[in-house]
């Protein structure tokens, strides 16, 4: 390989290594509420700096930098506006990623800085930093919990409609176990008017979930229950849904969650494990890159992992379930349906 070829490869690798700056730029933009401030129209950097209590020349540099990746636009009069892409950082955007930017660039940032620790030990870097396992840190910090739950709801929105339409939930009582603010359950109830729902999660999620579903006109069709799915899961549902739950936990703890569901299920009930299933071998493509990022994030944050369909099936079998089939949803997520 010639030196020019090596130089081209080096520039591509350098772009990958340096890409983290965009995450921090998005985090700061979201934290300052810049996209929200620009929702009504273009404003100058000085005007925005006064509104955000920041240094005007430095804020202008940030706004210009956002323009280099297509998130903002500098106009002829030196005012700035957000592009359609950048507007997704608004809190009230129909499809918002503001909470995810806050989570990724804030709470998750020091966790990723300790990837080496997790690779060496197989342990959670977040637990190393916070001194608490799993999601216990959310119970101690309401702001962090609110950002986390909103980020999960926003990401779920991207696939919830496809998941809801992939199965027939008509006339069924559907329990979303660990369902956060209830975005998936809301889409299921909207797509299947004869279905009813139960949302089961920790108190920090359920309090806001009531407002979320009531705002969609679904409050009367949904019951809200709090508890810890490691201890028990309420009974009485026809379908139990675990979306993006199993990937948060190592095998032993994931088996405990499945066991709680198994004990709650009456004859004829089904379990839907909804995850982004890993391929047997990762290749160089955008879809696999997203899976790899998520898998490593499960490692550093929770000492957990994304799993293949075979690994999910083995977990289900170890918890006294029988895998029925895989249902492709047309989104990034697949459903592994099972029964006791």
C-alpha atoms as a PDB file:
ATOM      1  CA  UNK A   1       0.000   0.000   0.000  1.00  0.00           C
ATOM      2  CA  UNK A   2       1.384   3.407  -0.949  1.00  0.00           C
ATOM      3  CA  UNK A   3       1.897   6.327   1.405  1.00  0.00           C
ATOM      4  CA  UNK A   4      -0.962   8.326  -0.231  1.00  0.00           C
ATOM      5  CA  UNK A   5      -3.283   5.370   0.409  1.00  0.00           C
ATOM      6  CA  UNK A   6      -2.126   5.203   4.027  1.00  0.00           C
ATOM      7  CA  UNK A   7      -2.687   8.941   4.400  1.00  0.00           C
ATOM      8  CA  UNK A   8      -6.253   8.606   3.127  1.00  0.00           C
ATOM      9  CA  UNK A   9      -6.903   5.789   5.597  1.00  0.00           C
ATOM     10  CA  UNK A  10      -5.352   7.841   8.390  1.00  0.00           C
ATOM     11  CA  UNK A  11      -7.648  10.757   7.624  1.00  0.00           C
ATOM     12  CA  UNK A  12     -10.672   8.441   7.785  1.00  0.00           C
ATOM     13  CA  UNK A  13      -9.540   6.968  11.099  1.00  0.00           C
ATOM     14  CA  UNK A  14      -8.824  10.459  12.408  1.00  0.00           C
ATOM     15  CA  UNK A  15     -12.379  11.459  11.533  1.00  0.00           C
ATOM     16  CA  UNK A  16     -13.700   8.522  13.567  1.00  0.00           C
ATOM     17  CA  UNK A  17     -11.459   9.270  16.545  1.00  0.00           C
ATOM     18  CA  UNK A  18     -12.378  12.945  16.573  1.00  0.00           C
ATOM     19  CA  UNK A  19     -16.130  12.375  16.075  1.00  0.00           C
ATOM     20  CA  UNK A  20     -16.810  12.708  19.799  1.00  0.00           C
ATOM     21  CA  UNK A  21     -16.759  16.498  19.518  1.00  0.00           C
ATOM     22  CA  UNK A  22     -20.149  16.419  17.780  1.00  0.00           C
ATOM     23  CA  UNK A  23     -21.718  14.589  20.733  1.00  0.00           C
ATOM     24  CA  UNK A  24     -20.459  17.244  23.132  1.00  0.00           C
ATOM     25  CA  UNK A  25     -21.546  20.066  20.821  1.00  0.00           C
ATOM     26  CA  UNK A  26     -25.045  18.550  20.706  1.00  0.00           C
ATOM     27  CA  UNK A  27     -25.019  18.118  24.494  1.00  0.00           C
ATOM     28  CA  UNK A  28     -24.101  21.769  25.111  1.00  0.00           C
ATOM     29  CA  UNK A  29     -26.639  22.951  22.542  1.00  0.00           C
ATOM     30  CA  UNK A  30     -29.358  20.884  24.227  1.00  0.00           C
ATOM     31  CA  UNK A  31     -28.280  21.924  27.714  1.00  0.00           C
ATOM     32  CA  UNK A  32     -28.469  25.597  26.792  1.00  0.00           C
ATOM     33  CA  UNK A  33     -31.775  25.148  24.980  1.00  0.00           C
ATOM     34  CA  UNK A  34     -30.438  26.792  21.816  1.00  0.00           C
ATOM     35  CA  UNK A  35     -32.784  24.955  19.466  1.00  0.00           C
ATOM     36  CA  UNK A  36     -35.757  25.937  21.623  1.00  0.00           C
ATOM     37  CA  UNK A  37     -34.651  29.572  21.625  1.00  0.00           C
ATOM     38  CA  UNK A  38     -34.400  29.526  17.835  1.00  0.00           C
ATOM     39  CA  UNK A  39     -37.804  27.918  17.331  1.00  0.00           C
ATOM     40  CA  UNK A  40     -39.455  31.289  16.682  1.00  0.00           C
ATOM     41  CA  UNK A  41     -36.830  32.430  14.172  1.00  0.00           C
ATOM     42  CA  UNK A  42     -33.176  33.405  13.680  1.00  0.00           C
ATOM     43  CA  UNK A  43     -31.283  35.274  16.429  1.00  0.00           C
ATOM     44  CA  UNK A  44     -27.779  36.614  16.815  1.00  0.00           C
ATOM     45  CA  UNK A  45     -25.114  34.930  18.898  1.00  0.00           C
ATOM     46  CA  UNK A  46     -25.047  37.957  21.199  1.00  0.00           C
ATOM     47  CA  UNK A  47     -28.802  37.730  21.748  1.00  0.00           C
ATOM     48  CA  UNK A  48     -28.579  33.992  22.436  1.00  0.00           C
ATOM     49  CA  UNK A  49     -25.636  34.510  24.772  1.00  0.00           C
ATOM     50  CA  UNK A  50     -27.632  36.999  26.822  1.00  0.00           C
ATOM     51  CA  UNK A  51     -30.499  34.528  27.056  1.00  0.00           C
ATOM     52  CA  UNK A  52     -28.242  31.616  28.058  1.00  0.00           C
ATOM     53  CA  UNK A  53     -25.713  33.515  30.227  1.00  0.00           C
ATOM     54  CA  UNK A  54     -22.822  32.428  28.044  1.00  0.00           C
ATOM     55  CA  UNK A  55     -19.786  34.083  26.403  1.00  0.00           C
ATOM     56  CA  UNK A  56     -21.030  35.526  23.106  1.00  0.00           C
ATOM     57  CA  UNK A  57     -17.866  34.997  21.003  1.00  0.00           C
ATOM     58  CA  UNK A  58     -17.576  31.395  22.233  1.00  0.00           C
ATOM     59  CA  UNK A  59     -21.246  30.713  21.604  1.00  0.00           C
ATOM     60  CA  UNK A  60     -20.858  32.083  18.076  1.00  0.00           C
ATOM     61  CA  UNK A  61     -18.032  29.590  17.519  1.00  0.00           C
ATOM     62  CA  UNK A  62     -20.262  26.747  18.743  1.00  0.00           C
ATOM     63  CA  UNK A  63     -23.099  27.805  16.442  1.00  0.00           C
ATOM     64  CA  UNK A  64     -20.714  28.036  13.489  1.00  0.00           C
ATOM     65  CA  UNK A  65     -19.338  24.601  14.326  1.00  0.00           C
ATOM     66  CA  UNK A  66     -22.864  23.173  14.334  1.00  0.00           C
ATOM     67  CA  UNK A  67     -23.194  24.527  10.811  1.00  0.00           C
ATOM     68  CA  UNK A  68     -20.266  22.380   9.681  1.00  0.00           C
ATOM     69  CA  UNK A  69     -22.265  19.224  10.454  1.00  0.00           C
ATOM     70  CA  UNK A  70     -25.577  20.533   9.149  1.00  0.00           C
ATOM     71  CA  UNK A  71     -27.269  21.352  12.462  1.00  0.00           C
ATOM     72  CA  UNK A  72     -27.355  25.150  12.161  1.00  0.00           C
ATOM     73  CA  UNK A  73     -27.186  27.792   9.442  1.00  0.00           C
ATOM     74  CA  UNK A  74     -25.541  31.221   9.590  1.00  0.00           C
ATOM     75  CA  UNK A  75     -27.526  33.795   7.617  1.00  0.00           C
ATOM     76  CA  UNK A  76     -26.306  36.838   5.699  1.00  0.00           C
ATOM     77  CA  UNK A  77     -27.021  39.170   8.641  1.00  0.00           C
ATOM     78  CA  UNK A  78     -24.902  36.943  10.945  1.00  0.00           C
ATOM     79  CA  UNK A  79     -27.922  35.565  12.773  1.00  0.00           C
ATOM     80  CA  UNK A  80     -28.324  31.828  13.209  1.00  0.00           C
ATOM     81  CA  UNK A  81     -31.130  29.360  12.714  1.00  0.00           C
ATOM     82  CA  UNK A  82     -31.383  25.628  13.275  1.00  0.00           C
ATOM     83  CA  UNK A  83     -31.739  23.362  10.279  1.00  0.00           C
ATOM     84  CA  UNK A  84     -34.489  20.739  10.185  1.00  0.00           C
ATOM     85  CA  UNK A  85     -31.933  18.252  11.511  1.00  0.00           C
ATOM     86  CA  UNK A  86     -30.785  20.560  14.313  1.00  0.00           C
ATOM     87  CA  UNK A  87     -34.394  21.259  15.268  1.00  0.00           C
ATOM     88  CA  UNK A  88     -34.628  17.695  16.570  1.00  0.00           C
ATOM     89  CA  UNK A  89     -32.730  19.048  19.603  1.00  0.00           C
ATOM     90  CA  UNK A  90     -35.830  21.043  20.549  1.00  0.00           C
ATOM     91  CA  UNK A  91     -37.695  19.796  23.587  1.00  0.00           C
ATOM     92  CA  UNK A  92     -41.057  20.046  21.821  1.00  0.00           C
ATOM     93  CA  UNK A  93     -39.999  18.607  18.462  1.00  0.00           C
ATOM     94  CA  UNK A  94     -42.426  15.915  17.216  1.00  0.00           C
ATOM     95  CA  UNK A  95     -39.435  13.571  17.130  1.00  0.00           C
ATOM     96  CA  UNK A  96     -37.010  14.956  19.701  1.00  0.00           C
ATOM     97  CA  UNK A  97     -33.516  13.736  20.545  1.00  0.00           C
ATOM     98  CA  UNK A  98     -32.812  16.456  23.099  1.00  0.00           C
ATOM     99  CA  UNK A  99     -32.998  14.108  26.086  1.00  0.00           C
ATOM    100  CA  UNK A 100     -30.732  11.582  24.379  1.00  0.00           C
ATOM    101  CA  UNK A 101     -28.166  14.315  23.680  1.00  0.00           C
ATOM    102  CA  UNK A 102     -28.306  15.294  27.352  1.00  0.00           C
ATOM    103  CA  UNK A 103     -27.932  11.684  28.468  1.00  0.00           C
ATOM    104  CA  UNK A 104     -25.175  10.727  26.047  1.00  0.00           C
ATOM    105  CA  UNK A 105     -23.101  13.873  26.509  1.00  0.00           C
ATOM    106  CA  UNK A 106     -23.811  14.170  30.234  1.00  0.00           C
ATOM    107  CA  UNK A 107     -24.412  11.129  32.428  1.00  0.00           C
ATOM    108  CA  UNK A 108     -22.947   8.656  29.915  1.00  0.00           C
ATOM    109  CA  UNK A 109     -19.837  10.658  29.040  1.00  0.00           C
ATOM    110  CA  UNK A 110     -17.635   9.711  32.026  1.00  0.00           C
ATOM    111  CA  UNK A 111     -18.882   6.128  31.731  1.00  0.00           C
ATOM    112  CA  UNK A 112     -17.498   5.764  28.201  1.00  0.00           C
ATOM    113  CA  UNK A 113     -14.237   7.325  29.375  1.00  0.00           C
ATOM    114  CA  UNK A 114     -13.792   4.138  31.434  1.00  0.00           C
ATOM    115  CA  UNK A 115     -14.321   1.624  28.619  1.00  0.00           C
ATOM    116  CA  UNK A 116     -10.822   0.261  29.287  1.00  0.00           C
ATOM    117  CA  UNK A 117     -11.871  -0.676  32.823  1.00  0.00           C
ATOM    118  CA  UNK A 118     -14.911  -2.574  31.534  1.00  0.00           C
ATOM    119  CA  UNK A 119     -12.931  -4.377  28.821  1.00  0.00           C
ATOM    120  CA  UNK A 120     -10.321  -5.438  31.365  1.00  0.00           C
ATOM    121  CA  UNK A 121     -12.782  -6.556  34.038  1.00  0.00           C
ATOM    122  CA  UNK A 122     -16.148  -7.181  32.371  1.00  0.00           C
ATOM    123  CA  UNK A 123     -17.640  -4.921  35.041  1.00  0.00           C
ATOM    124  CA  UNK A 124     -19.802  -1.798  34.789  1.00  0.00           C
ATOM    125  CA  UNK A 125     -17.888   1.461  34.583  1.00  0.00           C
ATOM    126  CA  UNK A 126     -21.021   3.288  35.739  1.00  0.00           C
ATOM    127  CA  UNK A 127     -21.076   1.244  38.947  1.00  0.00           C
ATOM    128  CA  UNK A 128     -17.403   2.119  39.402  1.00  0.00           C
ATOM    129  CA  UNK A 129     -18.221   5.821  39.104  1.00  0.00           C
ATOM    130  CA  UNK A 130     -21.527   5.995  40.988  1.00  0.00           C
ATOM    131  CA  UNK A 131     -20.915   3.251  43.530  1.00  0.00           C
ATOM    132  CA  UNK A 132     -24.336   1.749  42.812  1.00  0.00           C
ATOM    133  CA  UNK A 133     -25.360  -1.158  40.546  1.00  0.00           C
ATOM    134  CA  UNK A 134     -27.819  -1.164  37.673  1.00  0.00           C
ATOM    135  CA  UNK A 135     -30.149   1.836  37.665  1.00  0.00           C
ATOM    136  CA  UNK A 136     -29.972   2.593  41.386  1.00  0.00           C
ATOM    137  CA  UNK A 137     -28.372   5.957  40.621  1.00  0.00           C
ATOM    138  CA  UNK A 138     -31.672   7.126  39.101  1.00  0.00           C
ATOM    139  CA  UNK A 139     -33.412   6.768  42.459  1.00  0.00           C
ATOM    140  CA  UNK A 140     -30.952   9.250  43.993  1.00  0.00           C
ATOM    141  CA  UNK A 141     -31.131  11.920  41.296  1.00  0.00           C
ATOM    142  CA  UNK A 142     -34.548  13.013  39.970  1.00  0.00           C
ATOM    143  CA  UNK A 143     -33.050  15.135  37.182  1.00  0.00           C
ATOM    144  CA  UNK A 144     -30.937  12.246  35.884  1.00  0.00           C
ATOM    145  CA  UNK A 145     -33.964   9.944  36.113  1.00  0.00           C
ATOM    146  CA  UNK A 146     -36.134  12.395  34.155  1.00  0.00           C
ATOM    147  CA  UNK A 147     -33.528  12.736  31.403  1.00  0.00           C
ATOM    148  CA  UNK A 148     -33.077   8.957  31.228  1.00  0.00           C
ATOM    149  CA  UNK A 149     -36.796   8.194  31.059  1.00  0.00           C
ATOM    150  CA  UNK A 150     -37.454  10.897  28.461  1.00  0.00           C
ATOM    151  CA  UNK A 151     -34.524   9.691  26.361  1.00  0.00           C
ATOM    152  CA  UNK A 152     -35.888   6.149  26.441  1.00  0.00           C
ATOM    153  CA  UNK A 153     -39.362   7.379  25.461  1.00  0.00           C
ATOM    154  CA  UNK A 154     -37.937   9.418  22.581  1.00  0.00           C
ATOM    155  CA  UNK A 155     -35.908   6.494  21.235  1.00  0.00           C
ATOM    156  CA  UNK A 156     -38.872   4.131  21.636  1.00  0.00           C
ATOM    157  CA  UNK A 157     -40.994   6.518  19.577  1.00  0.00           C
ATOM    158  CA  UNK A 158     -38.792   5.776  16.562  1.00  0.00           C
ATOM    159  CA  UNK A 159     -39.852   2.109  16.494  1.00  0.00           C
ATOM    160  CA  UNK A 160     -43.001   1.861  18.650  1.00  0.00           C
ATOM    161  CA  UNK A 161     -45.539   2.195  15.844  1.00  0.00           C
ATOM    162  CA  UNK A 162     -43.871  -0.554  13.802  1.00  0.00           C
ATOM    163  CA  UNK A 163     -43.739  -2.842  16.842  1.00  0.00           C
ATOM    164  CA  UNK A 164     -47.380  -2.151  17.716  1.00  0.00           C
ATOM    165  CA  UNK A 165     -48.510  -3.056  14.199  1.00  0.00           C
ATOM    166  CA  UNK A 166     -46.381  -6.191  13.938  1.00  0.00           C
ATOM    167  CA  UNK A 167     -48.721  -8.190  16.209  1.00  0.00           C
ATOM    168  CA  UNK A 168     -52.452  -8.370  16.832  1.00  0.00           C
ATOM    169  CA  UNK A 169     -53.105  -7.108  20.365  1.00  0.00           C
ATOM    170  CA  UNK A 170     -56.856  -6.727  19.810  1.00  0.00           C
ATOM    171  CA  UNK A 171     -58.902  -7.408  22.940  1.00  0.00           C
ATOM    172  CA  UNK A 172     -55.820  -8.298  24.973  1.00  0.00           C
ATOM    173  CA  UNK A 173     -54.583  -7.015  28.309  1.00  0.00           C
ATOM    174  CA  UNK A 174     -50.983  -5.992  27.613  1.00  0.00           C
ATOM    175  CA  UNK A 175     -48.469  -5.445  30.411  1.00  0.00           C
ATOM    176  CA  UNK A 176     -45.378  -3.400  29.550  1.00  0.00           C
ATOM    177  CA  UNK A 177     -42.807  -4.512  32.121  1.00  0.00           C
ATOM    178  CA  UNK A 178     -40.183  -1.833  32.732  1.00  0.00           C
ATOM    179  CA  UNK A 179     -41.961   0.345  30.189  1.00  0.00           C
ATOM    180  CA  UNK A 180     -40.761   3.747  31.408  1.00  0.00           C
ATOM    181  CA  UNK A 181     -43.063   6.564  30.342  1.00  0.00           C
ATOM    182  CA  UNK A 182     -45.218   4.118  28.365  1.00  0.00           C
ATOM    183  CA  UNK A 183     -44.475   5.198  24.797  1.00  0.00           C
ATOM    184  CA  UNK A 184     -44.631   1.643  23.419  1.00  0.00           C
ATOM    185  CA  UNK A 185     -47.791   0.832  25.356  1.00  0.00           C
ATOM    186  CA  UNK A 186     -49.379   4.050  24.085  1.00  0.00           C
ATOM    187  CA  UNK A 187     -48.721   3.037  20.485  1.00  0.00           C
ATOM    188  CA  UNK A 188     -50.114  -0.458  21.110  1.00  0.00           C
ATOM    189  CA  UNK A 189     -53.313   0.970  22.589  1.00  0.00           C
ATOM    190  CA  UNK A 190     -53.671   3.494  19.767  1.00  0.00           C
ATOM    191  CA  UNK A 191     -53.191   0.812  17.111  1.00  0.00           C
ATOM    192  CA  UNK A 192     -55.575  -1.645  18.821  1.00  0.00           C
ATOM    193  CA  UNK A 193     -58.590   0.218  20.283  1.00  0.00           C
ATOM    194  CA  UNK A 194     -59.982  -2.897  22.019  1.00  0.00           C
ATOM    195  CA  UNK A 195     -56.761  -3.590  23.936  1.00  0.00           C
ATOM    196  CA  UNK A 196     -56.113  -2.453  27.509  1.00  0.00           C
ATOM    197  CA  UNK A 197     -52.776  -1.902  29.163  1.00  0.00           C
ATOM    198  CA  UNK A 198     -50.807  -2.160  32.369  1.00  0.00           C
ATOM    199  CA  UNK A 199     -47.618  -0.162  32.771  1.00  0.00           C
ATOM    200  CA  UNK A 200     -45.242  -1.545  35.397  1.00  0.00           C
ATOM    201  CA  UNK A 201     -42.064   0.249  36.414  1.00  0.00           C
ATOM    202  CA  UNK A 202     -40.270   2.053  39.226  1.00  0.00           C
ATOM    203  CA  UNK A 203     -41.936   5.106  40.841  1.00  0.00           C
ATOM    204  CA  UNK A 204     -39.594   7.602  39.136  1.00  0.00           C
ATOM    205  CA  UNK A 205     -41.014   6.510  35.750  1.00  0.00           C
ATOM    206  CA  UNK A 206     -44.676   5.905  36.595  1.00  0.00           C
ATOM    207  CA  UNK A 207     -45.303   9.403  37.978  1.00  0.00           C
ATOM    208  CA  UNK A 208     -44.639  10.996  34.573  1.00  0.00           C
ATOM    209  CA  UNK A 209     -46.126   8.069  32.651  1.00  0.00           C
ATOM    210  CA  UNK A 210     -49.602   8.867  33.974  1.00  0.00           C
ATOM    211  CA  UNK A 211     -49.385  12.333  32.400  1.00  0.00           C
ATOM    212  CA  UNK A 212     -47.913  10.929  29.191  1.00  0.00           C
ATOM    213  CA  UNK A 213     -50.743   8.474  28.539  1.00  0.00           C
ATOM    214  CA  UNK A 214     -53.458  10.814  29.786  1.00  0.00           C
ATOM    215  CA  UNK A 215     -52.213  13.385  27.277  1.00  0.00           C
ATOM    216  CA  UNK A 216     -52.800  10.829  24.520  1.00  0.00           C
ATOM    217  CA  UNK A 217     -56.350  10.169  25.759  1.00  0.00           C
ATOM    218  CA  UNK A 218     -55.376   6.714  27.015  1.00  0.00           C
ATOM    219  CA  UNK A 219     -55.467   7.145  30.783  1.00  0.00           C
ATOM    220  CA  UNK A 220     -58.737   5.245  31.192  1.00  0.00           C
ATOM    221  CA  UNK A 221     -57.427   2.243  29.240  1.00  0.00           C
ATOM    222  CA  UNK A 222     -54.256   1.803  31.240  1.00  0.00           C
ATOM    223  CA  UNK A 223     -53.435   0.769  34.795  1.00  0.00           C
ATOM    224  CA  UNK A 224     -50.244   2.039  36.410  1.00  0.00           C
ATOM    225  CA  UNK A 225     -48.358  -0.153  38.865  1.00  0.00           C
ATOM    226  CA  UNK A 226     -45.045   0.329  40.613  1.00  0.00           C
ATOM    227  CA  UNK A 227     -42.602  -2.279  41.783  1.00  0.00           C
ATOM    228  CA  UNK A 228     -39.308  -4.055  41.185  1.00  0.00           C
ATOM    229  CA  UNK A 229     -39.365  -6.738  38.490  1.00  0.00           C
ATOM    230  CA  UNK A 230     -36.617  -8.629  40.294  1.00  0.00           C
ATOM    231  CA  UNK A 231     -39.025  -9.199  43.191  1.00  0.00           C
ATOM    232  CA  UNK A 232     -42.242  -9.868  41.294  1.00  0.00           C
ATOM    233  CA  UNK A 233     -44.363  -8.890  38.307  1.00  0.00           C
ATOM    234  CA  UNK A 234     -48.145  -8.442  38.600  1.00  0.00           C
ATOM    235  CA  UNK A 235     -50.387 -11.136  37.154  1.00  0.00           C
ATOM    236  CA  UNK A 236     -53.524 -10.947  35.039  1.00  0.00           C
ATOM    237  CA  UNK A 237     -52.181  -9.979  31.616  1.00  0.00           C
ATOM    238  CA  UNK A 238     -52.548 -11.806  28.318  1.00  0.00           C
ATOM    239  CA  UNK A 239     -49.256 -10.522  26.920  1.00  0.00           C
ATOM    240  CA  UNK A 240     -46.151  -9.459  28.837  1.00  0.00           C
ATOM    241  CA  UNK A 241     -43.813  -7.129  26.952  1.00  0.00           C
ATOM    242  CA  UNK A 242     -40.137  -6.667  27.765  1.00  0.00           C
ATOM    243  CA  UNK A 243     -38.706  -4.062  25.404  1.00  0.00           C
ATOM    244  CA  UNK A 244     -35.033  -3.137  25.787  1.00  0.00           C
ATOM    245  CA  UNK A 245     -35.032  -4.672  29.263  1.00  0.00           C
ATOM    246  CA  UNK A 246     -33.151  -7.939  28.938  1.00  0.00           C
ATOM    247  CA  UNK A 247     -30.187  -6.250  27.244  1.00  0.00           C
ATOM    248  CA  UNK A 248     -29.691  -4.125  30.375  1.00  0.00           C
ATOM    249  CA  UNK A 249     -28.684  -7.115  32.509  1.00  0.00           C
ATOM    250  CA  UNK A 250     -26.149  -9.953  32.569  1.00  0.00           C
ATOM    251  CA  UNK A 251     -27.546 -13.459  32.130  1.00  0.00           C
ATOM    252  CA  UNK A 252     -28.132 -14.249  35.800  1.00  0.00           C
ATOM    253  CA  UNK A 253     -30.137 -11.085  36.449  1.00  0.00           C
ATOM    254  CA  UNK A 254     -31.965 -11.297  33.114  1.00  0.00           C
ATOM    255  CA  UNK A 255     -33.032 -14.812  34.108  1.00  0.00           C
ATOM    256  CA  UNK A 256     -34.471 -13.410  37.353  1.00  0.00           C
ATOM    257  CA  UNK A 257     -36.629 -10.931  35.389  1.00  0.00           C
ATOM    258  CA  UNK A 258     -37.852 -13.684  33.097  1.00  0.00           C
ATOM    259  CA  UNK A 259     -38.578 -15.815  36.160  1.00  0.00           C
ATOM    260  CA  UNK A 260     -40.706 -13.054  37.672  1.00  0.00           C
ATOM    261  CA  UNK A 261     -42.699 -12.858  34.442  1.00  0.00           C
ATOM    262  CA  UNK A 262     -43.027 -16.631  34.298  1.00  0.00           C
ATOM    263  CA  UNK A 263     -44.478 -16.813  37.822  1.00  0.00           C
ATOM    264  CA  UNK A 264     -46.992 -14.063  37.006  1.00  0.00           C
ATOM    265  CA  UNK A 265     -48.286 -15.615  33.790  1.00  0.00           C
ATOM    266  CA  UNK A 266     -51.543 -17.534  33.667  1.00  0.00           C
ATOM    267  CA  UNK A 267     -52.121 -20.395  31.188  1.00  0.00           C
ATOM    268  CA  UNK A 268     -52.274 -19.125  27.631  1.00  0.00           C
ATOM    269  CA  UNK A 269     -50.340 -15.911  28.323  1.00  0.00           C
ATOM    270  CA  UNK A 270     -47.427 -14.989  26.083  1.00  0.00           C
ATOM    271  CA  UNK A 271     -44.160 -13.140  26.558  1.00  0.00           C
ATOM    272  CA  UNK A 272     -42.702 -10.780  23.946  1.00  0.00           C
ATOM    273  CA  UNK A 273     -38.992 -10.081  24.342  1.00  0.00           C
ATOM    274  CA  UNK A 274     -38.289  -7.089  22.100  1.00  0.00           C
ATOM    275  CA  UNK A 275     -34.629  -6.353  21.385  1.00  0.00           C
ATOM    276  CA  UNK A 276     -32.246  -5.424  18.606  1.00  0.00           C
ATOM    277  CA  UNK A 277     -30.918  -8.891  17.899  1.00  0.00           C
ATOM    278  CA  UNK A 278     -27.204  -9.212  17.286  1.00  0.00           C
ATOM    279  CA  UNK A 279     -26.004 -11.072  14.192  1.00  0.00           C
ATOM    280  CA  UNK A 280     -23.646 -13.986  14.688  1.00  0.00           C
ATOM    281  CA  UNK A 281     -20.871 -11.882  13.144  1.00  0.00           C
ATOM    282  CA  UNK A 282     -20.592  -8.092  12.890  1.00  0.00           C
ATOM    283  CA  UNK A 283     -19.731  -6.600   9.515  1.00  0.00           C
ATOM    284  CA  UNK A 284     -18.769  -3.097   8.408  1.00  0.00           C
ATOM    285  CA  UNK A 285     -22.120  -1.419   7.795  1.00  0.00           C
ATOM    286  CA  UNK A 286     -24.246   1.259   9.438  1.00  0.00           C
ATOM    287  CA  UNK A 287     -26.732  -1.162  11.013  1.00  0.00           C
ATOM    288  CA  UNK A 288     -24.004  -3.259  12.605  1.00  0.00           C
ATOM    289  CA  UNK A 289     -22.150  -0.139  13.750  1.00  0.00           C
ATOM    290  CA  UNK A 290     -25.265   0.905  15.681  1.00  0.00           C
ATOM    291  CA  UNK A 291     -25.522  -2.557  17.236  1.00  0.00           C
ATOM    292  CA  UNK A 292     -21.851  -2.511  18.186  1.00  0.00           C
ATOM    293  CA  UNK A 293     -22.206   0.872  19.870  1.00  0.00           C
ATOM    294  CA  UNK A 294     -25.222  -0.323  21.821  1.00  0.00           C
ATOM    295  CA  UNK A 295     -23.482  -3.548  22.814  1.00  0.00           C
ATOM    296  CA  UNK A 296     -20.426  -1.726  24.144  1.00  0.00           C
ATOM    297  CA  UNK A 297     -22.682   0.762  25.904  1.00  0.00           C
ATOM    298  CA  UNK A 298     -24.395  -2.108  27.692  1.00  0.00           C
ATOM    299  CA  UNK A 299     -20.925  -3.266  28.768  1.00  0.00           C
ATOM    300  CA  UNK A 300     -19.654   0.039  30.162  1.00  0.00           C
ATOM    301  CA  UNK A 301     -22.966   1.105  31.686  1.00  0.00           C
ATOM    302  CA  UNK A 302     -24.344  -2.153  33.047  1.00  0.00           C
ATOM    303  CA  UNK A 303     -21.917  -5.054  32.470  1.00  0.00           C
ATOM    304  CA  UNK A 304     -24.602  -6.390  30.124  1.00  0.00           C
ATOM    305  CA  UNK A 305     -24.891  -7.059  26.396  1.00  0.00           C
ATOM    306  CA  UNK A 306     -26.941  -7.186  23.233  1.00  0.00           C
ATOM    307  CA  UNK A 307     -27.748 -10.803  22.341  1.00  0.00           C
ATOM    308  CA  UNK A 308     -28.300 -13.000  19.328  1.00  0.00           C
ATOM    309  CA  UNK A 309     -31.614 -14.764  18.799  1.00  0.00           C
ATOM    310  CA  UNK A 310     -29.983 -18.019  19.947  1.00  0.00           C
ATOM    311  CA  UNK A 311     -28.785 -16.389  23.169  1.00  0.00           C
ATOM    312  CA  UNK A 312     -32.260 -14.984  23.866  1.00  0.00           C
ATOM    313  CA  UNK A 313     -33.781 -18.413  23.213  1.00  0.00           C
ATOM    314  CA  UNK A 314     -31.308 -20.037  25.628  1.00  0.00           C
ATOM    315  CA  UNK A 315     -32.167 -17.517  28.326  1.00  0.00           C
ATOM    316  CA  UNK A 316     -35.871 -18.124  27.810  1.00  0.00           C
ATOM    317  CA  UNK A 317     -35.411 -21.878  28.032  1.00  0.00           C
ATOM    318  CA  UNK A 318     -33.417 -21.520  31.257  1.00  0.00           C
ATOM    319  CA  UNK A 319     -36.376 -19.581  32.742  1.00  0.00           C
ATOM    320  CA  UNK A 320     -38.907 -22.279  31.766  1.00  0.00           C
ATOM    321  CA  UNK A 321     -40.137 -20.646  28.555  1.00  0.00           C
ATOM    322  CA  UNK A 322     -40.518 -22.075  25.090  1.00  0.00           C
ATOM    323  CA  UNK A 323     -39.588 -19.816  22.185  1.00  0.00           C
ATOM    324  CA  UNK A 324     -42.379 -19.689  19.637  1.00  0.00           C
ATOM    325  CA  UNK A 325     -41.143 -17.523  16.804  1.00  0.00           C
ATOM    326  CA  UNK A 326     -39.255 -14.415  15.780  1.00  0.00           C
ATOM    327  CA  UNK A 327     -41.339 -11.530  14.500  1.00  0.00           C
ATOM    328  CA  UNK A 328     -39.621  -8.914  12.354  1.00  0.00           C
ATOM    329  CA  UNK A 329     -41.187  -5.496  12.880  1.00  0.00           C
ATOM    330  CA  UNK A 330     -39.785  -3.485   9.996  1.00  0.00           C
ATOM    331  CA  UNK A 331     -37.798  -1.434  12.524  1.00  0.00           C
ATOM    332  CA  UNK A 332     -34.454  -1.929  14.261  1.00  0.00           C
ATOM    333  CA  UNK A 333     -36.188  -4.214  16.769  1.00  0.00           C
ATOM    334  CA  UNK A 334     -37.313  -7.802  16.564  1.00  0.00           C
ATOM    335  CA  UNK A 335     -39.767  -9.683  18.777  1.00  0.00           C
ATOM    336  CA  UNK A 336     -39.011 -13.115  20.200  1.00  0.00           C
ATOM    337  CA  UNK A 337     -42.396 -14.528  21.219  1.00  0.00           C
ATOM    338  CA  UNK A 338     -42.471 -17.176  23.937  1.00  0.00           C
ATOM    339  CA  UNK A 339     -44.842 -19.014  26.240  1.00  0.00           C
ATOM    340  CA  UNK A 340     -44.381 -20.915  29.505  1.00  0.00           C
END
